[in-house]
Structure formats: C-alpha cells, structure tokens
Amino acid sequence: MEYKCILIVLVYLSVLITGQYTIRGVPESYAELGENYRLQCNVTDSPSGLDFRRNNIVVCNMINCESQSIDNRYKCGCINNNNKQLYLNISNINKQDDTTWSCRGNSGGQGSTNVSVYYGPENIRFNPTSDNIDGIEGKSQSVNCLADCKPECNITWSKDGLTTILNNRLSLSTRNQTGSYNCTVKHIVLNKQLTKQLNVQIYYGPDRLTFSPDVTSINIIEDGPDELTFSPDVTSIKIIEDGPDKLTFSPDVTSINIIEGRDQTITCLTDCYECNYKWTGPVTSPTKDL
C-alpha cells in the first residue's frame, strides 16, 4: 500500500483597509472674513493619528485626539473624544484661508474640501479716482464705482438722494446731470453696504443771449424832479449888479454931424439893472431925435 503525504501551507496576508474620509465646513456654504470657522472630518476607520492641512501644508495634527498646531489660530481635536469625528477650529479667518483644506489619517485615508471666504464691501472707490468730477456739456465722461467684494456686490447710483441708476457705469454729458451722486455697494449675502459720494459739475454755454425783461429795447422815464429847493430857502431872488460898468452910444460914436432936415437917433447904452438915464443939454430921455 502506498501512502502520499500532502502538505498544506496556509498563507495569511495582512490587508490594510483604508477608511472613507469626509471633510466639510460648518456651515458648508461659506466662511466670513474675520470670523471663526470650523471644519469637521468624519472617518470610517479609527486612525491613531490625523492631521488637517491647508494647501497640503499641515496646520494641526492629532495623535489619539491630542492636538498640536503650528499657529494659535488653529485648534483641532475629537468631538466627544470620538476619533471618528474630528474638527479643526479656525479663528479670525482671512483671505488666504480661501483655498483647499484636507484631513488625512496615518492609515492613508484622506478627504478634502474648498473653503470660500466671503468679504466686503471694502475699499470703495471711483475710476477716475477723484471725488469731484468736472465735465463739459456734449463731451461724454464715464465714472465707475468699485469695491472689494466676494462674491461680487450689487452697485447702484442715486442722484440728490432721489433718482436710482442701476448701471455701475455713470455716463455724464448734459448740464442737468450736475449734482451730488451716491454710489451704494451692497453685499447681498452678508447684508452689508458702503456708500461714497461723488460731486459732478457740467459746464455749458453760452447758448443764447437774452435780456431780462425779455426785450431788445427799453424806454426809461425818470420820475423826477421830486422836489426843487433852494439854499437859502427862497422862492425868488434878485441879482443887482454894481454897474453901470461902461457907457456907450448907438451908433458907437462920441460925436456926430447932423444934416438939417434929416432924422438921426442916438441911444445911450450901459450894463446896468434898473439904471436911470439922463441926458443933459437940450434932450430929456435916453433916446432923442436930433
């Protein structure tokens, strides 16, 4: 009888099963600039060591739920000492934290997520940069209102506190656009807004020359004289000259020859007020036929 010996060799292979890692933000939608934010990592295995990373750079790591961070802005740990639920608290979150975050176990499992950091409005400004704009009628000039926001903010213009202009670009070209404008930038999600004032002056003319009142000629009637007075206060005055200054004859002669039978008149003249004339000789009046 022949016997056969069969050797059975059992080989045990150690298979490392990697768990599933899921990381999410709390809340998931966004983080707000300057506020605190939490990331939560859920795992299906039970790693003895785990770290949280920003852009694949370790910011906080744990061994058996004991944490060690590279910056006091970060703190990590286990939720209720459960090494399947882990967290990373980020204080005073900044714009550089708007990136990819991950949690990774020493078993090789990992999960990642993107964190969006919302902010604004801030740094509101105009382009061109001046707060006072001078323009000339008929020459179009545009002004944009800008601000730093994530996501983009809504921008509206209002003139003199009344008219609302929905377009971001403010186009200026007419005289009735002179006035004060307010640019209002509003973050719809964060419910925050900023306002900045722009002063606009549009120069124009001359277009047409007119008079007020609207005439091309005008007659002016003077009211006066209102009152006529004298100083001294009199209603009549007589001026008496000292004369007579000079005595002349008409015709201007000092002697005259007369032909008998012909009339001849001689008048005695002088500058004098109410003088009396007297001829001596054969005549008795200022005028005498000789």
C-alpha atoms as a PDB file:
ATOM      1  CA  MET A   1       0.000   0.000   0.000  1.00  0.00           C
ATOM      2  CA  GLU A   2       1.350   3.354  -0.954  1.00  0.00           C
ATOM      3  CA  TYR A   3       0.761   6.432   1.161  1.00  0.00           C
ATOM      4  CA  LYS A   4       1.008  10.055  -0.033  1.00  0.00           C
ATOM      5  CA  CYS A   5       1.724  12.971   2.278  1.00  0.00           C
ATOM      6  CA  ILE A   6       0.093  16.227   1.299  1.00  0.00           C
ATOM      7  CA  LEU A   7       1.491  19.410   2.807  1.00  0.00           C
ATOM      8  CA  ILE A   8      -0.944  22.252   3.027  1.00  0.00           C
ATOM      9  CA  VAL A   9       0.592  25.664   3.529  1.00  0.00           C
ATOM     10  CA  LEU A  10      -1.673  28.453   4.682  1.00  0.00           C
ATOM     11  CA  VAL A  11      -0.537  31.965   3.873  1.00  0.00           C
ATOM     12  CA  TYR A  12      -2.112  34.860   5.765  1.00  0.00           C
ATOM     13  CA  LEU A  13      -1.986  38.217   4.016  1.00  0.00           C
ATOM     14  CA  SER A  14      -2.384  41.297   6.103  1.00  0.00           C
ATOM     15  CA  VAL A  15      -4.669  43.632   4.183  1.00  0.00           C
ATOM     16  CA  LEU A  16      -4.866  47.247   5.295  1.00  0.00           C
ATOM     17  CA  ILE A  17      -8.331  48.576   4.640  1.00  0.00           C
ATOM     18  CA  THR A  18      -8.421  52.374   4.229  1.00  0.00           C
ATOM     19  CA  GLY A  19     -11.449  54.117   5.611  1.00  0.00           C
ATOM     20  CA  GLN A  20     -13.509  56.824   3.962  1.00  0.00           C
ATOM     21  CA  TYR A  21     -12.746  60.414   4.931  1.00  0.00           C
ATOM     22  CA  THR A  22     -15.240  63.243   4.521  1.00  0.00           C
ATOM     23  CA  ILE A  23     -14.454  66.853   5.437  1.00  0.00           C
ATOM     24  CA  ARG A  24     -16.894  69.737   5.306  1.00  0.00           C
ATOM     25  CA  GLY A  25     -17.251  73.255   6.611  1.00  0.00           C
ATOM     26  CA  VAL A  26     -19.694  74.268   9.317  1.00  0.00           C
ATOM     27  CA  PRO A  27     -21.602  75.950   7.799  1.00  0.00           C
ATOM     28  CA  GLU A  28     -20.813  74.392   4.463  1.00  0.00           C
ATOM     29  CA  SER A  29     -21.658  77.356   2.218  1.00  0.00           C
ATOM     30  CA  TYR A  30     -19.021  79.949   3.142  1.00  0.00           C
ATOM     31  CA  ALA A  31     -16.819  81.484   5.824  1.00  0.00           C
ATOM     32  CA  GLU A  32     -16.935  85.200   6.654  1.00  0.00           C
ATOM     33  CA  LEU A  33     -13.737  87.218   6.743  1.00  0.00           C
ATOM     34  CA  GLY A  34     -12.567  87.930  10.289  1.00  0.00           C
ATOM     35  CA  GLU A  35     -14.970  85.450  11.872  1.00  0.00           C
ATOM     36  CA  ASN A  36     -14.365  81.959  13.297  1.00  0.00           C
ATOM     37  CA  TYR A  37     -14.950  78.857  11.195  1.00  0.00           C
ATOM     38  CA  ARG A  38     -14.996  75.098  11.789  1.00  0.00           C
ATOM     39  CA  LEU A  39     -14.075  72.167   9.579  1.00  0.00           C
ATOM     40  CA  GLN A  40     -15.361  68.716  10.535  1.00  0.00           C
ATOM     41  CA  CYS A  41     -13.782  65.482   9.366  1.00  0.00           C
ATOM     42  CA  ASN A  42     -15.736  62.197   9.596  1.00  0.00           C
ATOM     43  CA  VAL A  43     -13.876  58.918   9.078  1.00  0.00           C
ATOM     44  CA  THR A  44     -14.972  55.290   8.883  1.00  0.00           C
ATOM     45  CA  ASP A  45     -11.750  53.813  10.255  1.00  0.00           C
ATOM     46  CA  SER A  46     -10.106  54.665  13.541  1.00  0.00           C
ATOM     47  CA  PRO A  47      -6.720  56.237  12.808  1.00  0.00           C
ATOM     48  CA  SER A  48      -4.405  56.785  15.724  1.00  0.00           C
ATOM     49  CA  GLY A  49      -3.032  59.883  14.039  1.00  0.00           C
ATOM     50  CA  LEU A  50      -4.637  62.504  11.819  1.00  0.00           C
ATOM     51  CA  ASP A  51      -3.742  65.962  10.547  1.00  0.00           C
ATOM     52  CA  PHE A  52      -5.516  68.907   8.967  1.00  0.00           C
ATOM     53  CA  ARG A  53      -3.885  70.625   6.030  1.00  0.00           C
ATOM     54  CA  ARG A  54      -4.237  73.894   4.128  1.00  0.00           C
ATOM     55  CA  ASN A  55      -2.963  73.654   0.567  1.00  0.00           C
ATOM     56  CA  ASN A  56      -1.415  70.330   1.611  1.00  0.00           C
ATOM     57  CA  ILE A  57       0.569  72.017   4.408  1.00  0.00           C
ATOM     58  CA  VAL A  58      -0.083  70.687   7.914  1.00  0.00           C
ATOM     59  CA  VAL A  59      -1.573  73.294  10.244  1.00  0.00           C
ATOM     60  CA  CYS A  60      -2.709  70.992  13.078  1.00  0.00           C
ATOM     61  CA  ASN A  61      -2.185  67.286  13.861  1.00  0.00           C
ATOM     62  CA  MET A  62      -3.518  64.828  16.421  1.00  0.00           C
ATOM     63  CA  ILE A  63      -2.426  61.581  17.998  1.00  0.00           C
ATOM     64  CA  ASN A  64      -5.144  59.807  19.924  1.00  0.00           C
ATOM     65  CA  CYS A  65      -7.179  63.021  19.986  1.00  0.00           C
ATOM     66  CA  GLU A  66      -4.314  65.065  21.469  1.00  0.00           C
ATOM     67  CA  SER A  67      -3.638  68.053  19.197  1.00  0.00           C
ATOM     68  CA  GLN A  68      -0.647  70.133  18.276  1.00  0.00           C
ATOM     69  CA  SER A  69      -0.883  73.154  15.947  1.00  0.00           C
ATOM     70  CA  ILE A  70       1.658  75.341  14.183  1.00  0.00           C
ATOM     71  CA  ASP A  71      -0.385  78.516  14.763  1.00  0.00           C
ATOM     72  CA  ASN A  72      -2.655  79.535  17.623  1.00  0.00           C
ATOM     73  CA  ARG A  73      -5.304  80.406  15.034  1.00  0.00           C
ATOM     74  CA  TYR A  74      -5.874  76.677  14.629  1.00  0.00           C
ATOM     75  CA  LYS A  75      -7.145  74.168  17.129  1.00  0.00           C
ATOM     76  CA  CYS A  76      -8.072  70.574  16.335  1.00  0.00           C
ATOM     77  CA  GLY A  77      -9.471  67.670  18.330  1.00  0.00           C
ATOM     78  CA  CYS A  78     -12.002  64.866  18.583  1.00  0.00           C
ATOM     79  CA  ILE A  79     -15.687  65.565  19.010  1.00  0.00           C
ATOM     80  CA  ASN A  80     -16.761  63.984  22.304  1.00  0.00           C
ATOM     81  CA  ASN A  81     -13.462  62.037  22.309  1.00  0.00           C
ATOM     82  CA  ASN A  82     -14.650  60.150  19.236  1.00  0.00           C
ATOM     83  CA  ASN A  83     -11.731  59.586  16.877  1.00  0.00           C
ATOM     84  CA  LYS A  84     -14.151  59.053  14.015  1.00  0.00           C
ATOM     85  CA  GLN A  85     -15.402  62.637  14.283  1.00  0.00           C
ATOM     86  CA  LEU A  86     -12.723  65.277  14.299  1.00  0.00           C
ATOM     87  CA  TYR A  87     -12.710  69.057  13.990  1.00  0.00           C
ATOM     88  CA  LEU A  88     -10.474  71.989  13.148  1.00  0.00           C
ATOM     89  CA  ASN A  89     -11.396  75.422  14.506  1.00  0.00           C
ATOM     90  CA  ILE A  90     -10.032  78.414  12.580  1.00  0.00           C
ATOM     91  CA  SER A  91     -10.141  81.774  14.352  1.00  0.00           C
ATOM     92  CA  ASN A  92     -10.099  85.158  12.585  1.00  0.00           C
ATOM     93  CA  ILE A  93     -10.301  83.589   9.146  1.00  0.00           C
ATOM     94  CA  ASN A  94      -8.510  85.562   6.421  1.00  0.00           C
ATOM     95  CA  LYS A  95      -8.434  85.751   2.638  1.00  0.00           C
ATOM     96  CA  GLN A  96      -5.540  83.276   2.434  1.00  0.00           C
ATOM     97  CA  ASP A  97      -7.815  80.699   4.059  1.00  0.00           C
ATOM     98  CA  ASP A  98      -9.947  80.783   0.895  1.00  0.00           C
ATOM     99  CA  THR A  99      -8.372  77.616  -0.509  1.00  0.00           C
ATOM    100  CA  THR A 100      -8.335  73.798  -0.335  1.00  0.00           C
ATOM    101  CA  TRP A 101      -8.420  72.086   3.080  1.00  0.00           C
ATOM    102  CA  SER A 102      -7.971  68.399   3.829  1.00  0.00           C
ATOM    103  CA  CYS A 103      -7.850  65.877   6.655  1.00  0.00           C
ATOM    104  CA  ARG A 104      -5.533  62.874   6.371  1.00  0.00           C
ATOM    105  CA  GLY A 105      -5.156  59.831   8.604  1.00  0.00           C
ATOM    106  CA  ASN A 106      -1.991  57.848   9.194  1.00  0.00           C
ATOM    107  CA  SER A 107      -3.816  54.911   7.643  1.00  0.00           C
ATOM    108  CA  GLY A 108      -3.624  56.727   4.299  1.00  0.00           C
ATOM    109  CA  GLY A 109      -7.206  57.870   4.058  1.00  0.00           C
ATOM    110  CA  GLN A 110      -7.961  61.485   3.285  1.00  0.00           C
ATOM    111  CA  GLY A 111     -10.703  63.880   2.282  1.00  0.00           C
ATOM    112  CA  SER A 112     -10.646  67.475   1.012  1.00  0.00           C
ATOM    113  CA  THR A 113     -12.926  70.468   0.515  1.00  0.00           C
ATOM    114  CA  ASN A 114     -12.735  74.064  -0.709  1.00  0.00           C
ATOM    115  CA  VAL A 115     -13.500  76.899   1.675  1.00  0.00           C
ATOM    116  CA  SER A 116     -14.898  80.173   0.281  1.00  0.00           C
ATOM    117  CA  VAL A 117     -14.190  83.251   2.391  1.00  0.00           C
ATOM    118  CA  TYR A 118     -16.805  85.968   1.816  1.00  0.00           C
ATOM    119  CA  TYR A 119     -15.965  89.600   2.493  1.00  0.00           C
ATOM    120  CA  GLY A 120     -16.850  93.158   1.610  1.00  0.00           C
ATOM    121  CA  PRO A 121     -17.787  95.636   0.620  1.00  0.00           C
ATOM    122  CA  GLU A 122     -14.495  97.351   1.411  1.00  0.00           C
ATOM    123  CA  ASN A 123     -12.187  99.869  -0.246  1.00  0.00           C
ATOM    124  CA  ILE A 124     -14.978 101.626  -2.161  1.00  0.00           C
ATOM    125  CA  ARG A 125     -13.523 103.966  -4.800  1.00  0.00           C
ATOM    126  CA  PHE A 126     -14.152 105.702  -8.136  1.00  0.00           C
ATOM    127  CA  ASN A 127     -12.479 105.353 -11.517  1.00  0.00           C
ATOM    128  CA  PRO A 128     -11.334 108.060 -12.303  1.00  0.00           C
ATOM    129  CA  THR A 129     -10.245 108.322  -8.687  1.00  0.00           C
ATOM    130  CA  SER A 130     -11.419 111.887  -7.886  1.00  0.00           C
ATOM    131  CA  ASP A 131     -14.496 112.510  -5.712  1.00  0.00           C
ATOM    132  CA  ASN A 132     -15.165 115.708  -7.725  1.00  0.00           C
ATOM    133  CA  ILE A 133     -15.756 115.480 -11.477  1.00  0.00           C
ATOM    134  CA  ASP A 134     -15.833 118.496 -13.834  1.00  0.00           C
ATOM    135  CA  GLY A 135     -17.188 117.945 -17.334  1.00  0.00           C
ATOM    136  CA  ILE A 136     -18.146 119.909 -20.455  1.00  0.00           C
ATOM    137  CA  GLU A 137     -21.609 119.503 -21.915  1.00  0.00           C
ATOM    138  CA  GLY A 138     -21.570 117.370 -25.043  1.00  0.00           C
ATOM    139  CA  LYS A 139     -18.328 115.582 -24.129  1.00  0.00           C
ATOM    140  CA  SER A 140     -19.240 112.235 -22.580  1.00  0.00           C
ATOM    141  CA  GLN A 141     -17.365 111.176 -19.457  1.00  0.00           C
ATOM    142  CA  SER A 142     -17.815 107.920 -17.547  1.00  0.00           C
ATOM    143  CA  VAL A 143     -17.264 107.109 -13.880  1.00  0.00           C
ATOM    144  CA  ASN A 144     -17.178 103.598 -12.416  1.00  0.00           C
ATOM    145  CA  CYS A 145     -17.790 102.705  -8.777  1.00  0.00           C
ATOM    146  CA  LEU A 146     -15.562  99.904  -7.492  1.00  0.00           C
ATOM    147  CA  ALA A 147     -15.259  97.926  -4.263  1.00  0.00           C
ATOM    148  CA  ASP A 148     -13.635  94.741  -2.997  1.00  0.00           C
ATOM    149  CA  CYS A 149     -16.249  92.007  -2.505  1.00  0.00           C
ATOM    150  CA  LYS A 150     -16.617  88.243  -2.657  1.00  0.00           C
ATOM    151  CA  PRO A 151     -18.835  87.333  -4.294  1.00  0.00           C
ATOM    152  CA  GLU A 152     -19.450  90.478  -6.336  1.00  0.00           C
ATOM    153  CA  CYS A 153     -21.627  93.115  -4.699  1.00  0.00           C
ATOM    154  CA  ASN A 154     -24.573  94.976  -6.196  1.00  0.00           C
ATOM    155  CA  ILE A 155     -23.773  98.576  -7.166  1.00  0.00           C
ATOM    156  CA  THR A 156     -26.341 101.360  -7.597  1.00  0.00           C
ATOM    157  CA  TRP A 157     -26.119 105.132  -8.105  1.00  0.00           C
ATOM    158  CA  SER A 158     -28.544 107.725  -6.768  1.00  0.00           C
ATOM    159  CA  LYS A 159     -28.644 111.441  -7.612  1.00  0.00           C
ATOM    160  CA  ASP A 160     -29.517 114.010  -4.946  1.00  0.00           C
ATOM    161  CA  GLY A 161     -30.977 111.164  -2.885  1.00  0.00           C
ATOM    162  CA  LEU A 162     -33.793 110.589  -5.363  1.00  0.00           C
ATOM    163  CA  THR A 163     -33.099 109.012  -8.755  1.00  0.00           C
ATOM    164  CA  THR A 164     -31.746 105.458  -8.768  1.00  0.00           C
ATOM    165  CA  ILE A 165     -29.352 104.437 -11.547  1.00  0.00           C
ATOM    166  CA  LEU A 166     -28.831 100.691 -11.689  1.00  0.00           C
ATOM    167  CA  ASN A 167     -25.844 100.661 -14.039  1.00  0.00           C
ATOM    168  CA  ASN A 168     -22.377 100.642 -12.499  1.00  0.00           C
ATOM    169  CA  ARG A 169     -21.042 102.929 -15.229  1.00  0.00           C
ATOM    170  CA  LEU A 170     -22.221 106.518 -14.716  1.00  0.00           C
ATOM    171  CA  SER A 171     -22.205 108.413 -18.051  1.00  0.00           C
ATOM    172  CA  LEU A 172     -22.101 112.221 -17.817  1.00  0.00           C
ATOM    173  CA  SER A 173     -22.638 114.633 -20.721  1.00  0.00           C
ATOM    174  CA  THR A 174     -25.551 117.045 -20.040  1.00  0.00           C
ATOM    175  CA  ARG A 175     -25.998 120.039 -17.745  1.00  0.00           C
ATOM    176  CA  ASN A 176     -28.917 118.505 -15.864  1.00  0.00           C
ATOM    177  CA  GLN A 177     -26.533 115.820 -14.612  1.00  0.00           C
ATOM    178  CA  THR A 178     -24.826 118.380 -12.374  1.00  0.00           C
ATOM    179  CA  GLY A 179     -25.302 117.451  -8.723  1.00  0.00           C
ATOM    180  CA  SER A 180     -24.305 115.037  -5.972  1.00  0.00           C
ATOM    181  CA  TYR A 181     -24.352 111.281  -6.568  1.00  0.00           C
ATOM    182  CA  ASN A 182     -24.119 108.437  -4.072  1.00  0.00           C
ATOM    183  CA  CYS A 183     -22.640 105.090  -5.037  1.00  0.00           C
ATOM    184  CA  THR A 184     -24.033 102.324  -2.822  1.00  0.00           C
ATOM    185  CA  VAL A 185     -22.282  98.939  -2.777  1.00  0.00           C
ATOM    186  CA  LYS A 186     -24.250  96.150  -1.100  1.00  0.00           C
ATOM    187  CA  HIS A 187     -23.236  92.589  -0.247  1.00  0.00           C
ATOM    188  CA  ILE A 188     -26.423  90.591  -0.668  1.00  0.00           C
ATOM    189  CA  VAL A 189     -25.254  87.531   1.317  1.00  0.00           C
ATOM    190  CA  LEU A 190     -23.596  89.330   4.236  1.00  0.00           C
ATOM    191  CA  ASN A 191     -26.193  92.144   4.190  1.00  0.00           C
ATOM    192  CA  LYS A 192     -23.540  94.840   4.450  1.00  0.00           C
ATOM    193  CA  GLN A 193     -23.194  98.026   2.421  1.00  0.00           C
ATOM    194  CA  LEU A 194     -20.996 101.086   1.906  1.00  0.00           C
ATOM    195  CA  THR A 195     -21.811 104.461   0.319  1.00  0.00           C
ATOM    196  CA  LYS A 196     -19.490 107.028  -1.258  1.00  0.00           C
ATOM    197  CA  GLN A 197     -20.411 110.495  -2.605  1.00  0.00           C
ATOM    198  CA  LEU A 198     -19.396 111.917  -5.987  1.00  0.00           C
ATOM    199  CA  ASN A 199     -19.829 115.616  -6.849  1.00  0.00           C
ATOM    200  CA  VAL A 200     -20.408 116.425 -10.540  1.00  0.00           C
ATOM    201  CA  GLN A 201     -20.278 119.820 -12.274  1.00  0.00           C
ATOM    202  CA  ILE A 202     -21.101 120.007 -16.010  1.00  0.00           C
ATOM    203  CA  TYR A 203     -20.117 123.331 -17.609  1.00  0.00           C
ATOM    204  CA  TYR A 204     -22.020 124.703 -20.618  1.00  0.00           C
ATOM    205  CA  GLY A 205     -22.811 127.746 -22.781  1.00  0.00           C
ATOM    206  CA  PRO A 206     -23.164 130.445 -23.725  1.00  0.00           C
ATOM    207  CA  ASP A 207     -26.087 129.084 -25.774  1.00  0.00           C
ATOM    208  CA  ARG A 208     -28.244 132.198 -26.296  1.00  0.00           C
ATOM    209  CA  LEU A 209     -28.025 135.803 -25.162  1.00  0.00           C
ATOM    210  CA  THR A 210     -31.217 137.314 -23.732  1.00  0.00           C
ATOM    211  CA  PHE A 211     -32.246 140.237 -21.587  1.00  0.00           C
ATOM    212  CA  SER A 212     -34.384 140.231 -18.512  1.00  0.00           C
ATOM    213  CA  PRO A 213     -37.014 141.518 -19.046  1.00  0.00           C
ATOM    214  CA  ASP A 214     -37.063 139.817 -22.455  1.00  0.00           C
ATOM    215  CA  VAL A 215     -36.809 142.910 -24.725  1.00  0.00           C
ATOM    216  CA  THR A 216     -34.480 144.285 -27.355  1.00  0.00           C
ATOM    217  CA  SER A 217     -35.173 147.952 -26.485  1.00  0.00           C
ATOM    218  CA  ILE A 218     -36.461 149.739 -23.424  1.00  0.00           C
ATOM    219  CA  ASN A 219     -37.721 153.233 -22.580  1.00  0.00           C
ATOM    220  CA  ILE A 220     -36.867 154.637 -19.196  1.00  0.00           C
ATOM    221  CA  ILE A 221     -38.983 157.514 -17.807  1.00  0.00           C
ATOM    222  CA  GLU A 222     -37.346 159.324 -14.965  1.00  0.00           C
ATOM    223  CA  ASP A 223     -39.702 160.187 -12.106  1.00  0.00           C
ATOM    224  CA  GLY A 224     -38.026 163.413 -11.021  1.00  0.00           C
ATOM    225  CA  PRO A 225     -37.647 166.088 -10.181  1.00  0.00           C
ATOM    226  CA  ASP A 226     -39.382 165.085  -6.984  1.00  0.00           C
ATOM    227  CA  GLU A 227     -38.680 168.324  -5.152  1.00  0.00           C
ATOM    228  CA  LEU A 228     -36.888 171.541  -6.033  1.00  0.00           C
ATOM    229  CA  THR A 229     -35.401 173.539  -3.223  1.00  0.00           C
ATOM    230  CA  PHE A 230     -33.060 176.465  -2.907  1.00  0.00           C
ATOM    231  CA  SER A 231     -30.380 177.239  -0.423  1.00  0.00           C
ATOM    232  CA  PRO A 232     -31.024 179.619   1.138  1.00  0.00           C
ATOM    233  CA  ASP A 233     -34.695 178.607   1.220  1.00  0.00           C
ATOM    234  CA  VAL A 234     -36.307 181.256  -1.076  1.00  0.00           C
ATOM    235  CA  THR A 235     -38.741 181.185  -3.966  1.00  0.00           C
ATOM    236  CA  SER A 236     -37.343 184.243  -5.801  1.00  0.00           C
ATOM    237  CA  ILE A 237     -34.079 186.120  -5.874  1.00  0.00           C
ATOM    238  CA  LYS A 238     -32.946 189.388  -7.408  1.00  0.00           C
ATOM    239  CA  ILE A 239     -29.397 189.884  -8.575  1.00  0.00           C
ATOM    240  CA  ILE A 240     -28.389 193.545  -8.709  1.00  0.00           C
ATOM    241  CA  GLU A 241     -25.150 194.419 -10.431  1.00  0.00           C
ATOM    242  CA  ASP A 242     -22.945 197.180  -9.154  1.00  0.00           C
ATOM    243  CA  GLY A 243     -22.925 198.886 -12.611  1.00  0.00           C
ATOM    244  CA  PRO A 244     -23.117 200.840 -14.733  1.00  0.00           C
ATOM    245  CA  ASP A 245     -19.731 199.438 -15.799  1.00  0.00           C
ATOM    246  CA  LYS A 246     -19.464 201.079 -19.251  1.00  0.00           C
ATOM    247  CA  LEU A 247     -21.450 203.732 -21.152  1.00  0.00           C
ATOM    248  CA  THR A 248     -21.739 203.550 -24.952  1.00  0.00           C
ATOM    249  CA  PHE A 249     -23.784 205.114 -27.723  1.00  0.00           C
ATOM    250  CA  SER A 250     -25.614 203.502 -30.566  1.00  0.00           C
ATOM    251  CA  PRO A 251     -24.339 204.094 -33.133  1.00  0.00           C
ATOM    252  CA  ASP A 252     -20.937 203.785 -31.421  1.00  0.00           C
ATOM    253  CA  VAL A 253     -19.686 207.339 -31.747  1.00  0.00           C
ATOM    254  CA  THR A 254     -18.571 210.091 -29.493  1.00  0.00           C
ATOM    255  CA  SER A 255     -19.529 212.870 -31.922  1.00  0.00           C
ATOM    256  CA  ILE A 256     -21.970 213.106 -34.781  1.00  0.00           C
ATOM    257  CA  ASN A 257     -22.660 215.529 -37.585  1.00  0.00           C
ATOM    258  CA  ILE A 258     -26.266 216.125 -38.424  1.00  0.00           C
ATOM    259  CA  ILE A 259     -27.602 217.480 -41.714  1.00  0.00           C
ATOM    260  CA  GLU A 260     -30.529 219.671 -41.244  1.00  0.00           C
ATOM    261  CA  GLY A 261     -33.727 218.131 -42.404  1.00  0.00           C
ATOM    262  CA  ARG A 262     -32.682 214.503 -41.767  1.00  0.00           C
ATOM    263  CA  ASP A 263     -33.669 212.465 -38.703  1.00  0.00           C
ATOM    264  CA  GLN A 264     -30.937 210.941 -36.562  1.00  0.00           C
ATOM    265  CA  THR A 265     -31.361 208.720 -33.452  1.00  0.00           C
ATOM    266  CA  ILE A 266     -28.720 208.133 -30.780  1.00  0.00           C
ATOM    267  CA  THR A 267     -29.248 205.633 -27.921  1.00  0.00           C
ATOM    268  CA  CYS A 268     -27.299 205.631 -24.685  1.00  0.00           C
ATOM    269  CA  LEU A 269     -26.351 202.060 -23.568  1.00  0.00           C
ATOM    270  CA  THR A 270     -24.834 200.510 -20.438  1.00  0.00           C
ATOM    271  CA  ASP A 271     -24.782 197.207 -18.416  1.00  0.00           C
ATOM    272  CA  CYS A 272     -26.969 198.113 -15.540  1.00  0.00           C
ATOM    273  CA  TYR A 273     -30.008 196.832 -13.674  1.00  0.00           C
ATOM    274  CA  GLU A 274     -32.756 199.440 -13.443  1.00  0.00           C
ATOM    275  CA  CYS A 275     -30.444 202.396 -14.088  1.00  0.00           C
ATOM    276  CA  ASN A 276     -31.881 205.822 -14.698  1.00  0.00           C
ATOM    277  CA  TYR A 277     -30.787 207.599 -17.863  1.00  0.00           C
ATOM    278  CA  LYS A 278     -30.490 211.387 -18.020  1.00  0.00           C
ATOM    279  CA  TRP A 279     -29.360 213.496 -20.899  1.00  0.00           C
ATOM    280  CA  THR A 280     -28.021 216.999 -20.244  1.00  0.00           C
ATOM    281  CA  GLY A 281     -28.463 219.692 -22.745  1.00  0.00           C
ATOM    282  CA  PRO A 282     -31.464 220.097 -24.928  1.00  0.00           C
ATOM    283  CA  VAL A 283     -32.639 216.386 -24.503  1.00  0.00           C
ATOM    284  CA  THR A 284     -34.631 214.762 -21.656  1.00  0.00           C
ATOM    285  CA  SER A 285     -34.751 210.976 -22.469  1.00  0.00           C
ATOM    286  CA  PRO A 286     -32.386 208.131 -23.325  1.00  0.00           C
ATOM    287  CA  THR A 287     -33.452 208.334 -26.980  1.00  0.00           C
ATOM    288  CA  LYS A 288     -33.753 211.659 -28.736  1.00  0.00           C
ATOM    289  CA  ASP A 289     -34.268 212.754 -32.305  1.00  0.00           C
ATOM    290  CA  LEU A 290     -31.741 215.413 -33.116  1.00  0.00           C
END
